[in-house]
Amino acid sequence: MSADLVVANIYFDVMKGLISSPGLMTKKWFVLSGLLGSQARDIAFKLSKYRAKIIKIWDHDGIYYTFLGTTGADIA
């Protein structure tokens, strides 16, 4: 199914696979949620290796983190 947005609140290992898959970078926007501090740093680093840009980070009491970002993908 075609979509401009990916929302993922999934296990860290699954999220790592999602980020490295070619499908995520074809979407314009993403929301990644449920990340612990060290996991959030790892995901942010991995996203920086692609064309993805984190627009906003929500810190939930210093425990869980949520990212809103864009891949820069053109939507036809």
PDB file of N, CA and C in Angstrom:
ATOM      1  N   MET A   1       0.844  -1.173   0.000  1.00  0.00           N
ATOM      2  CA  MET A   1       0.000   0.000   0.000  1.00  0.00           C
ATOM      3  C   MET A   1       0.893   1.241   0.000  1.00  0.00           C
ATOM      4  N   SER A   2       0.520   2.201  -0.785  1.00  0.00           N
ATOM      5  CA  SER A   2       1.272   3.441  -0.872  1.00  0.00           C
ATOM      6  C   SER A   2       0.907   4.355   0.300  1.00  0.00           C
ATOM      7  N   ALA A   3       1.920   4.978   0.898  1.00  0.00           N
ATOM      8  CA  ALA A   3       1.705   5.901   2.014  1.00  0.00           C
ATOM      9  C   ALA A   3       2.868   6.880   2.087  1.00  0.00           C
ATOM     10  N   ASP A   4       2.599   8.068   2.642  1.00  0.00           N
ATOM     11  CA  ASP A   4       3.638   9.078   2.829  1.00  0.00           C
ATOM     12  C   ASP A   4       4.286   8.998   4.203  1.00  0.00           C
ATOM     13  N   LEU A   5       3.678   8.223   5.110  1.00  0.00           N
ATOM     14  CA  LEU A   5       4.090   8.211   6.509  1.00  0.00           C
ATOM     15  C   LEU A   5       4.260   6.786   7.015  1.00  0.00           C
ATOM     16  N   VAL A   6       5.329   6.561   7.769  1.00  0.00           N
ATOM     17  CA  VAL A   6       5.535   5.297   8.479  1.00  0.00           C
ATOM     18  C   VAL A   6       5.508   5.611   9.964  1.00  0.00           C
ATOM     19  N   VAL A   7       4.698   4.886  10.717  1.00  0.00           N
ATOM     20  CA  VAL A   7       4.644   5.012  12.167  1.00  0.00           C
ATOM     21  C   VAL A   7       5.053   3.660  12.736  1.00  0.00           C
ATOM     22  N   ALA A   8       6.071   3.654  13.598  1.00  0.00           N
ATOM     23  CA  ALA A   8       6.559   2.401  14.160  1.00  0.00           C
ATOM     24  C   ALA A   8       6.805   2.551  15.653  1.00  0.00           C
ATOM     25  N   ASN A   9       6.104   1.762  16.419  1.00  0.00           N
ATOM     26  CA  ASN A   9       6.331   1.639  17.857  1.00  0.00           C
ATOM     27  C   ASN A   9       6.573   0.153  18.078  1.00  0.00           C
ATOM     28  N   ILE A  10       7.794  -0.278  17.741  1.00  0.00           N
ATOM     29  CA  ILE A  10       8.123  -1.698  17.707  1.00  0.00           C
ATOM     30  C   ILE A  10       9.433  -1.953  18.436  1.00  0.00           C
ATOM     31  N   TYR A  11       9.738  -3.224  18.621  1.00  0.00           N
ATOM     32  CA  TYR A  11      10.975  -3.611  19.283  1.00  0.00           C
ATOM     33  C   TYR A  11      12.185  -3.043  18.553  1.00  0.00           C
ATOM     34  N   PHE A  12      13.203  -2.729  19.327  1.00  0.00           N
ATOM     35  CA  PHE A  12      14.422  -2.107  18.813  1.00  0.00           C
ATOM     36  C   PHE A  12      15.037  -2.917  17.669  1.00  0.00           C
ATOM     37  N   ASP A  13      15.159  -4.231  17.823  1.00  0.00           N
ATOM     38  CA  ASP A  13      15.779  -5.048  16.777  1.00  0.00           C
ATOM     39  C   ASP A  13      14.979  -4.983  15.472  1.00  0.00           C
ATOM     40  N   VAL A  14      13.670  -4.956  15.576  1.00  0.00           N
ATOM     41  CA  VAL A  14      12.825  -4.841  14.387  1.00  0.00           C
ATOM     42  C   VAL A  14      12.995  -3.453  13.762  1.00  0.00           C
ATOM     43  N   MET A  15      13.072  -2.427  14.605  1.00  0.00           N
ATOM     44  CA  MET A  15      13.231  -1.060  14.105  1.00  0.00           C
ATOM     45  C   MET A  15      14.562  -0.902  13.377  1.00  0.00           C
ATOM     46  N   LYS A  16      15.612  -1.522  13.879  1.00  0.00           N
ATOM     47  CA  LYS A  16      16.904  -1.456  13.191  1.00  0.00           C
ATOM     48  C   LYS A  16      16.787  -2.021  11.785  1.00  0.00           C
ATOM     49  N   GLY A  17      16.056  -3.129  11.651  1.00  0.00           N
ATOM     50  CA  GLY A  17      15.846  -3.726  10.336  1.00  0.00           C
ATOM     51  C   GLY A  17      15.014  -2.831   9.432  1.00  0.00           C
ATOM     52  N   LEU A  18      14.009  -2.183  10.006  1.00  0.00           N
ATOM     53  CA  LEU A  18      13.159  -1.274   9.243  1.00  0.00           C
ATOM     54  C   LEU A  18      13.981  -0.126   8.668  1.00  0.00           C
ATOM     55  N   ILE A  19      14.863   0.423   9.482  1.00  0.00           N
ATOM     56  CA  ILE A  19      15.673   1.563   9.037  1.00  0.00           C
ATOM     57  C   ILE A  19      16.622   1.170   7.911  1.00  0.00           C
ATOM     58  N   SER A  20      17.166  -0.029   7.986  1.00  0.00           N
ATOM     59  CA  SER A  20      18.109  -0.447   6.944  1.00  0.00           C
ATOM     60  C   SER A  20      17.409  -0.992   5.697  1.00  0.00           C
ATOM     61  N   SER A  21      16.095  -1.136   5.742  1.00  0.00           N
ATOM     62  CA  SER A  21      15.361  -1.625   4.571  1.00  0.00           C
ATOM     63  C   SER A  21      15.170  -0.487   3.571  1.00  0.00           C
ATOM     64  N   PRO A  22      15.123  -0.801   2.291  1.00  0.00           N
ATOM     65  CA  PRO A  22      14.952   0.264   1.295  1.00  0.00           C
ATOM     66  C   PRO A  22      13.572   0.924   1.346  1.00  0.00           C
ATOM     67  N   GLY A  23      12.587   0.259   1.890  1.00  0.00           N
ATOM     68  CA  GLY A  23      11.225   0.784   1.909  1.00  0.00           C
ATOM     69  C   GLY A  23      11.058   2.060   2.713  1.00  0.00           C
ATOM     70  N   LEU A  24      11.723   2.170   3.861  1.00  0.00           N
ATOM     71  CA  LEU A  24      11.546   3.351   4.709  1.00  0.00           C
ATOM     72  C   LEU A  24      11.962   4.628   3.990  1.00  0.00           C
ATOM     73  N   MET A  25      13.043   4.584   3.263  1.00  0.00           N
ATOM     74  CA  MET A  25      13.553   5.787   2.618  1.00  0.00           C
ATOM     75  C   MET A  25      12.723   6.215   1.409  1.00  0.00           C
ATOM     76  N   THR A  26      11.710   5.418   1.040  1.00  0.00           N
ATOM     77  CA  THR A  26      10.805   5.832  -0.037  1.00  0.00           C
ATOM     78  C   THR A  26       9.603   6.596   0.512  1.00  0.00           C
ATOM     79  N   LYS A  27       9.465   6.635   1.831  1.00  0.00           N
ATOM     80  CA  LYS A  27       8.368   7.360   2.481  1.00  0.00           C
ATOM     81  C   LYS A  27       8.843   8.759   2.821  1.00  0.00           C
ATOM     82  N   LYS A  28       7.931   9.706   2.831  1.00  0.00           N
ATOM     83  CA  LYS A  28       8.326  11.102   3.094  1.00  0.00           C
ATOM     84  C   LYS A  28       8.553  11.359   4.588  1.00  0.00           C
ATOM     85  N   TRP A  29       7.704  10.800   5.438  1.00  0.00           N
ATOM     86  CA  TRP A  29       7.742  11.065   6.878  1.00  0.00           C
ATOM     87  C   TRP A  29       7.815   9.771   7.670  1.00  0.00           C
ATOM     88  N   PHE A  30       8.360   9.865   8.887  1.00  0.00           N
ATOM     89  CA  PHE A  30       8.336   8.717   9.788  1.00  0.00           C
ATOM     90  C   PHE A  30       8.186   9.189  11.225  1.00  0.00           C
ATOM     91  N   VAL A  31       7.564   8.338  12.030  1.00  0.00           N
ATOM     92  CA  VAL A  31       7.493   8.502  13.483  1.00  0.00           C
ATOM     93  C   VAL A  31       7.991   7.188  14.062  1.00  0.00           C
ATOM     94  N   LEU A  32       9.068   7.258  14.817  1.00  0.00           N
ATOM     95  CA  LEU A  32       9.646   6.076  15.467  1.00  0.00           C
ATOM     96  C   LEU A  32       9.536   6.283  16.964  1.00  0.00           C
ATOM     97  N   SER A  33       8.930   5.335  17.662  1.00  0.00           N
ATOM     98  CA  SER A  33       8.591   5.540  19.063  1.00  0.00           C
ATOM     99  C   SER A  33       8.932   4.312  19.894  1.00  0.00           C
ATOM    100  N   GLY A  34       9.028   4.540  21.209  1.00  0.00           N
ATOM    101  CA  GLY A  34       9.266   3.450  22.150  1.00  0.00           C
ATOM    102  C   GLY A  34      10.729   3.113  22.331  1.00  0.00           C
ATOM    103  N   LEU A  35      11.608   4.039  22.039  1.00  0.00           N
ATOM    104  CA  LEU A  35      13.051   3.799  22.121  1.00  0.00           C
ATOM    105  C   LEU A  35      13.604   4.206  23.484  1.00  0.00           C
ATOM    106  N   LEU A  36      14.383   3.335  24.081  1.00  0.00           N
ATOM    107  CA  LEU A  36      15.120   3.697  25.292  1.00  0.00           C
ATOM    108  C   LEU A  36      16.286   4.601  24.900  1.00  0.00           C
ATOM    109  N   GLY A  37      16.899   5.259  25.869  1.00  0.00           N
ATOM    110  CA  GLY A  37      17.946   6.247  25.601  1.00  0.00           C
ATOM    111  C   GLY A  37      19.056   5.769  24.699  1.00  0.00           C
ATOM    112  N   SER A  38      19.714   4.670  25.028  1.00  0.00           N
ATOM    113  CA  SER A  38      20.824   4.178  24.213  1.00  0.00           C
ATOM    114  C   SER A  38      20.335   3.711  22.852  1.00  0.00           C
ATOM    115  N   GLN A  39      19.133   3.170  22.796  1.00  0.00           N
ATOM    116  CA  GLN A  39      18.557   2.748  21.521  1.00  0.00           C
ATOM    117  C   GLN A  39      18.263   3.961  20.642  1.00  0.00           C
ATOM    118  N   ALA A  40      17.764   5.028  21.248  1.00  0.00           N
ATOM    119  CA  ALA A  40      17.477   6.257  20.509  1.00  0.00           C
ATOM    120  C   ALA A  40      18.755   6.820  19.897  1.00  0.00           C
ATOM    121  N   ARG A  41      19.839   6.815  20.644  1.00  0.00           N
ATOM    122  CA  ARG A  41      21.117   7.304  20.107  1.00  0.00           C
ATOM    123  C   ARG A  41      21.565   6.444  18.928  1.00  0.00           C
ATOM    124  N   ASP A  42      21.401   5.131  19.045  1.00  0.00           N
ATOM    125  CA  ASP A  42      21.806   4.222  17.967  1.00  0.00           C
ATOM    126  C   ASP A  42      20.949   4.447  16.713  1.00  0.00           C
ATOM    127  N   ILE A  43      19.653   4.590  16.896  1.00  0.00           N
ATOM    128  CA  ILE A  43      18.764   4.823  15.758  1.00  0.00           C
ATOM    129  C   ILE A  43      19.063   6.173  15.111  1.00  0.00           C
ATOM    130  N   ALA A  44      19.295   7.206  15.909  1.00  0.00           N
ATOM    131  CA  ALA A  44      19.635   8.525  15.364  1.00  0.00           C
ATOM    132  C   ALA A  44      20.918   8.448  14.536  1.00  0.00           C
ATOM    133  N   PHE A  45      21.899   7.697  15.015  1.00  0.00           N
ATOM    134  CA  PHE A  45      23.146   7.532  14.273  1.00  0.00           C
ATOM    135  C   PHE A  45      22.896   6.814  12.955  1.00  0.00           C
ATOM    136  N   LYS A  46      22.116   5.738  13.001  1.00  0.00           N
ATOM    137  CA  LYS A  46      21.816   4.988  11.781  1.00  0.00           C
ATOM    138  C   LYS A  46      21.048   5.857  10.772  1.00  0.00           C
ATOM    139  N   LEU A  47      20.098   6.638  11.248  1.00  0.00           N
ATOM    140  CA  LEU A  47      19.349   7.521  10.355  1.00  0.00           C
ATOM    141  C   LEU A  47      20.257   8.560   9.706  1.00  0.00           C
ATOM    142  N   SER A  48      21.272   9.015  10.441  1.00  0.00           N
ATOM    143  CA  SER A  48      22.184  10.025   9.894  1.00  0.00           C
ATOM    144  C   SER A  48      22.997   9.472   8.722  1.00  0.00           C
ATOM    145  N   LYS A  49      23.138   8.170   8.626  1.00  0.00           N
ATOM    146  CA  LYS A  49      23.879   7.552   7.523  1.00  0.00           C
ATOM    147  C   LYS A  49      23.063   7.530   6.231  1.00  0.00           C
ATOM    148  N   TYR A  50      21.764   7.748   6.361  1.00  0.00           N
ATOM    149  CA  TYR A  50      20.877   7.833   5.201  1.00  0.00           C
ATOM    150  C   TYR A  50      20.536   9.307   4.997  1.00  0.00           C
ATOM    151  N   ARG A  51      19.592   9.584   4.133  1.00  0.00           N
ATOM    152  CA  ARG A  51      19.219  10.986   3.909  1.00  0.00           C
ATOM    153  C   ARG A  51      18.156  11.458   4.892  1.00  0.00           C
ATOM    154  N   ALA A  52      17.855  10.657   5.879  1.00  0.00           N
ATOM    155  CA  ALA A  52      16.806  10.991   6.851  1.00  0.00           C
ATOM    156  C   ALA A  52      17.244  12.126   7.770  1.00  0.00           C
ATOM    157  N   LYS A  53      16.270  12.945   8.142  1.00  0.00           N
ATOM    158  CA  LYS A  53      16.518  14.062   9.051  1.00  0.00           C
ATOM    159  C   LYS A  53      15.494  14.004  10.176  1.00  0.00           C
ATOM    160  N   ILE A  54      15.960  14.028  11.400  1.00  0.00           N
ATOM    161  CA  ILE A  54      15.057  14.059  12.551  1.00  0.00           C
ATOM    162  C   ILE A  54      14.623  15.506  12.762  1.00  0.00           C
ATOM    163  N   ILE A  55      13.312  15.732  12.715  1.00  0.00           N
ATOM    164  CA  ILE A  55      12.738  17.068  12.854  1.00  0.00           C
ATOM    165  C   ILE A  55      12.487  17.409  14.318  1.00  0.00           C
ATOM    166  N   LYS A  56      11.986  16.425  15.073  1.00  0.00           N
ATOM    167  CA  LYS A  56      11.641  16.649  16.479  1.00  0.00           C
ATOM    168  C   LYS A  56      11.868  15.369  17.263  1.00  0.00           C
ATOM    169  N   ILE A  57      12.339  15.540  18.501  1.00  0.00           N
ATOM    170  CA  ILE A  57      12.519  14.417  19.427  1.00  0.00           C
ATOM    171  C   ILE A  57      11.710  14.709  20.677  1.00  0.00           C
ATOM    172  N   TRP A  58      10.881  13.754  21.064  1.00  0.00           N
ATOM    173  CA  TRP A  58      10.161  13.841  22.330  1.00  0.00           C
ATOM    174  C   TRP A  58      10.842  12.926  23.329  1.00  0.00           C
ATOM    175  N   ASP A  59      11.117  13.459  24.490  1.00  0.00           N
ATOM    176  CA  ASP A  59      11.746  12.731  25.593  1.00  0.00           C
ATOM    177  C   ASP A  59      10.667  12.505  26.651  1.00  0.00           C
ATOM    178  N   HIS A  60      10.306  11.261  26.865  1.00  0.00           N
ATOM    179  CA  HIS A  60       9.262  10.913  27.826  1.00  0.00           C
ATOM    180  C   HIS A  60       9.910  10.536  29.159  1.00  0.00           C
ATOM    181  N   ASP A  61      10.106  11.542  30.018  1.00  0.00           N
ATOM    182  CA  ASP A  61      10.703  11.362  31.347  1.00  0.00           C
ATOM    183  C   ASP A  61      12.100  10.754  31.300  1.00  0.00           C
ATOM    184  N   GLY A  62      12.830  10.989  30.222  1.00  0.00           N
ATOM    185  CA  GLY A  62      14.196  10.481  30.107  1.00  0.00           C
ATOM    186  C   GLY A  62      14.272   8.977  29.940  1.00  0.00           C
ATOM    187  N   ILE A  63      13.153   8.334  29.683  1.00  0.00           N
ATOM    188  CA  ILE A  63      13.130   6.874  29.554  1.00  0.00           C
ATOM    189  C   ILE A  63      12.871   6.467  28.109  1.00  0.00           C
ATOM    190  N   TYR A  64      11.783   6.955  27.551  1.00  0.00           N
ATOM    191  CA  TYR A  64      11.417   6.611  26.186  1.00  0.00           C
ATOM    192  C   TYR A  64      11.508   7.834  25.282  1.00  0.00           C
ATOM    193  N   TYR A  65      11.858   7.575  24.028  1.00  0.00           N
ATOM    194  CA  TYR A  65      12.031   8.646  23.058  1.00  0.00           C
ATOM    195  C   TYR A  65      11.200   8.365  21.810  1.00  0.00           C
ATOM    196  N   THR A  66      10.735   9.446  21.183  1.00  0.00           N
ATOM    197  CA  THR A  66       9.982   9.381  19.938  1.00  0.00           C
ATOM    198  C   THR A  66      10.608  10.361  18.960  1.00  0.00           C
ATOM    199  N   PHE A  67      10.791   9.924  17.726  1.00  0.00           N
ATOM    200  CA  PHE A  67      11.354  10.762  16.665  1.00  0.00           C
ATOM    201  C   PHE A  67      10.302  11.035  15.601  1.00  0.00           C
ATOM    202  N   LEU A  68      10.218  12.283  15.177  1.00  0.00           N
ATOM    203  CA  LEU A  68       9.499  12.657  13.962  1.00  0.00           C
ATOM    204  C   LEU A  68      10.564  13.052  12.964  1.00  0.00           C
ATOM    205  N   GLY A  69      10.494  12.476  11.776  1.00  0.00           N
ATOM    206  CA  GLY A  69      11.530  12.790  10.798  1.00  0.00           C
ATOM    207  C   GLY A  69      11.031  12.737   9.387  1.00  0.00           C
ATOM    208  N   THR A  70      11.908  13.124   8.492  1.00  0.00           N
ATOM    209  CA  THR A  70      11.639  13.097   7.062  1.00  0.00           C
ATOM    210  C   THR A  70      12.808  12.451   6.344  1.00  0.00           C
ATOM    211  N   THR A  71      12.488  11.809   5.246  1.00  0.00           N
ATOM    212  CA  THR A  71      13.535  11.171   4.446  1.00  0.00           C
ATOM    213  C   THR A  71      13.926  12.026   3.257  1.00  0.00           C
ATOM    214  N   GLY A  72      13.127  13.041   2.980  1.00  0.00           N
ATOM    215  CA  GLY A  72      13.380  13.867   1.813  1.00  0.00           C
ATOM    216  C   GLY A  72      12.890  13.223   0.526  1.00  0.00           C
ATOM    217  N   ALA A  73      12.174  12.084   0.642  1.00  0.00           N
ATOM    218  CA  ALA A  73      11.669  11.402  -0.552  1.00  0.00           C
ATOM    219  C   ALA A  73      10.632  12.272  -1.252  1.00  0.00           C
ATOM    220  N   ASP A  74      10.717  12.299  -2.551  1.00  0.00           N
ATOM    221  CA  ASP A  74       9.719  13.031  -3.349  1.00  0.00           C
ATOM    222  C   ASP A  74       8.473  12.180  -3.458  1.00  0.00           C
ATOM    223  N   ILE A  75       7.352  12.799  -3.239  1.00  0.00           N
ATOM    224  CA  ILE A  75       6.074  12.112  -3.338  1.00  0.00           C
ATOM    225  C   ILE A  75       5.428  12.533  -4.650  1.00  0.00           C
ATOM    226  N   ALA A  76       5.138  11.575  -5.480  1.00  0.00           N
ATOM    227  CA  ALA A  76       4.537  11.879  -6.785  1.00  0.00           C
ATOM    228  C   ALA A  76       3.038  12.052  -6.666  1.00  0.00           C
TER     229      ALA A  76
END
